[in-house]
Protein backbone atom coordinates (compact mmCIF):
# COMPACT_ATOMS: atom_id res chain seq x y z
CA UNK A 1 0.01 -0.16 0.07
CA UNK A 2 1.41 3.29 -0.95
CA UNK A 3 1.73 6.36 1.34
CA UNK A 4 -0.65 9.19 0.61
CA UNK A 5 0.66 12.69 0.99
CA UNK A 6 -1.36 15.77 0.55
CA UNK A 7 0.08 18.94 -0.72
CA UNK A 8 -0.64 22.23 0.41
CA UNK A 9 -2.61 23.06 -2.73
CA UNK A 10 -4.39 19.87 -2.73
CA UNK A 11 -5.55 20.60 1.16
CA UNK A 12 -6.47 24.14 0.42
CA UNK A 13 -8.61 22.94 -2.94
CA UNK A 14 -10.43 20.27 -0.83
CA UNK A 15 -11.42 22.74 2.07
CA UNK A 16 -12.60 25.39 -0.77
CA UNK A 17 -14.53 22.55 -2.21
CA UNK A 18 -16.20 21.97 1.23
CA UNK A 19 -16.89 25.55 2.02
CA UNK A 20 -18.59 25.87 -1.50
CA UNK A 21 -20.85 22.94 -0.79
CA UNK A 22 -21.56 24.15 2.67
CA UNK A 23 -22.81 27.53 1.02
CA UNK A 24 -24.58 26.02 -1.98
CA UNK A 25 -25.58 22.63 -0.90
CA UNK A 26 -26.89 20.45 1.85
CA UNK A 27 -24.86 18.25 4.15
CA UNK A 28 -25.84 15.16 1.93
CA UNK A 29 -23.63 16.79 -0.81
CA UNK A 30 -20.80 17.38 1.48
CA UNK A 31 -20.90 13.78 2.82
CA UNK A 32 -21.20 12.29 -0.67
CA UNK A 33 -17.91 14.45 -1.92
CA UNK A 34 -15.98 13.31 1.37
CA UNK A 35 -17.05 9.67 0.88
CA UNK A 36 -16.13 9.53 -2.65
CA UNK A 37 -12.72 11.22 -2.19
CA UNK A 38 -12.02 8.61 0.57
CA UNK A 39 -13.20 5.99 -1.77
CA UNK A 40 -10.71 7.19 -4.48
CA UNK A 41 -7.77 7.80 -2.37
CA UNK A 42 -8.12 4.23 -1.08
CA UNK A 43 -8.12 2.97 -4.61
CA UNK A 44 -5.22 5.08 -5.47
CA UNK A 45 -3.32 3.73 -2.27
CA UNK A 46 -3.62 0.43 -3.36
CA UNK A 47 -3.48 0.64 -7.22
CA UNK A 48 -2.21 4.07 -8.37
CA UNK A 49 -2.33 3.11 -11.99
CA UNK A 50 -5.90 2.55 -11.79
CA UNK A 51 -6.73 6.02 -13.34
CA UNK A 52 -5.95 7.96 -16.42
CA UNK A 53 -2.32 9.24 -17.29
CA UNK A 54 -1.91 12.88 -17.84
CA UNK A 55 0.46 14.78 -20.13
CA UNK A 56 2.55 15.60 -16.87
CA UNK A 57 5.11 12.92 -16.01
CA UNK A 58 3.71 10.45 -13.52
CA UNK A 59 0.78 12.31 -12.92
CA UNK A 60 -2.81 10.93 -13.21
CA UNK A 61 -6.18 12.09 -12.80
CA UNK A 62 -9.53 10.62 -11.69
CA UNK A 63 -13.03 12.60 -11.34
CA UNK A 64 -14.06 12.85 -7.91
CA UNK A 65 -17.59 14.46 -9.06
CA UNK A 66 -18.51 15.81 -12.42
CA UNK A 67 -17.24 19.35 -11.28
CA UNK A 68 -14.12 18.15 -9.56
CA UNK A 69 -10.98 16.17 -10.78
CA UNK A 70 -8.36 14.97 -8.47
CA UNK A 71 -4.72 15.08 -9.70
CA UNK A 72 -2.14 13.06 -7.91
CA UNK A 73 1.48 11.95 -8.83
CA UNK A 74 3.32 8.75 -8.10
CA UNK A 75 6.62 9.92 -6.36
CA UNK A 76 8.12 6.44 -6.06
CA UNK A 77 7.33 2.94 -5.06
CA UNK A 78 6.00 3.99 -1.80
CA UNK A 79 4.46 7.51 -2.06
CA UNK A 80 1.94 9.37 -3.93
CA UNK A 81 1.22 13.21 -3.69
CA UNK A 82 -2.08 14.16 -4.06
CA UNK A 83 -1.56 17.53 -6.22
CA UNK A 84 -4.99 19.52 -6.77
CA UNK A 85 -8.71 18.86 -6.53
CA UNK A 86 -9.29 20.87 -9.58
CA UNK A 87 -12.68 22.42 -10.30
CA UNK A 88 -13.29 21.35 -13.92
CA UNK A 89 -14.77 25.09 -14.83
CA UNK A 90 -11.60 26.51 -14.28
CA UNK A 91 -8.90 26.82 -16.88
CA UNK A 92 -6.69 23.77 -17.07
CA UNK A 93 -3.62 26.43 -17.96
CA UNK A 94 -3.50 27.24 -14.26
CA UNK A 95 -3.51 23.88 -12.99
CA UNK A 96 0.20 23.35 -12.12
């Protein structure tokens, strides 16, 4: 099983998404987002190559919800960095 490390950007993105859900949606949507995120992280921890390769070296992506994509990087045989929880409505040019 791989170690999952949250970058500062990933943590900030995650918190911003929670804040947005608190403002615009119900607790049910917040719980769904958190649970879906945990499910995906569990898959990444056991099989990091399960999801789509991006054009960035060792970086993969997986949609958490239709509006949010998780980008993560395989660092080595033991570590994964969660890079961003990207809002799909934003310009991808500003991703990294």
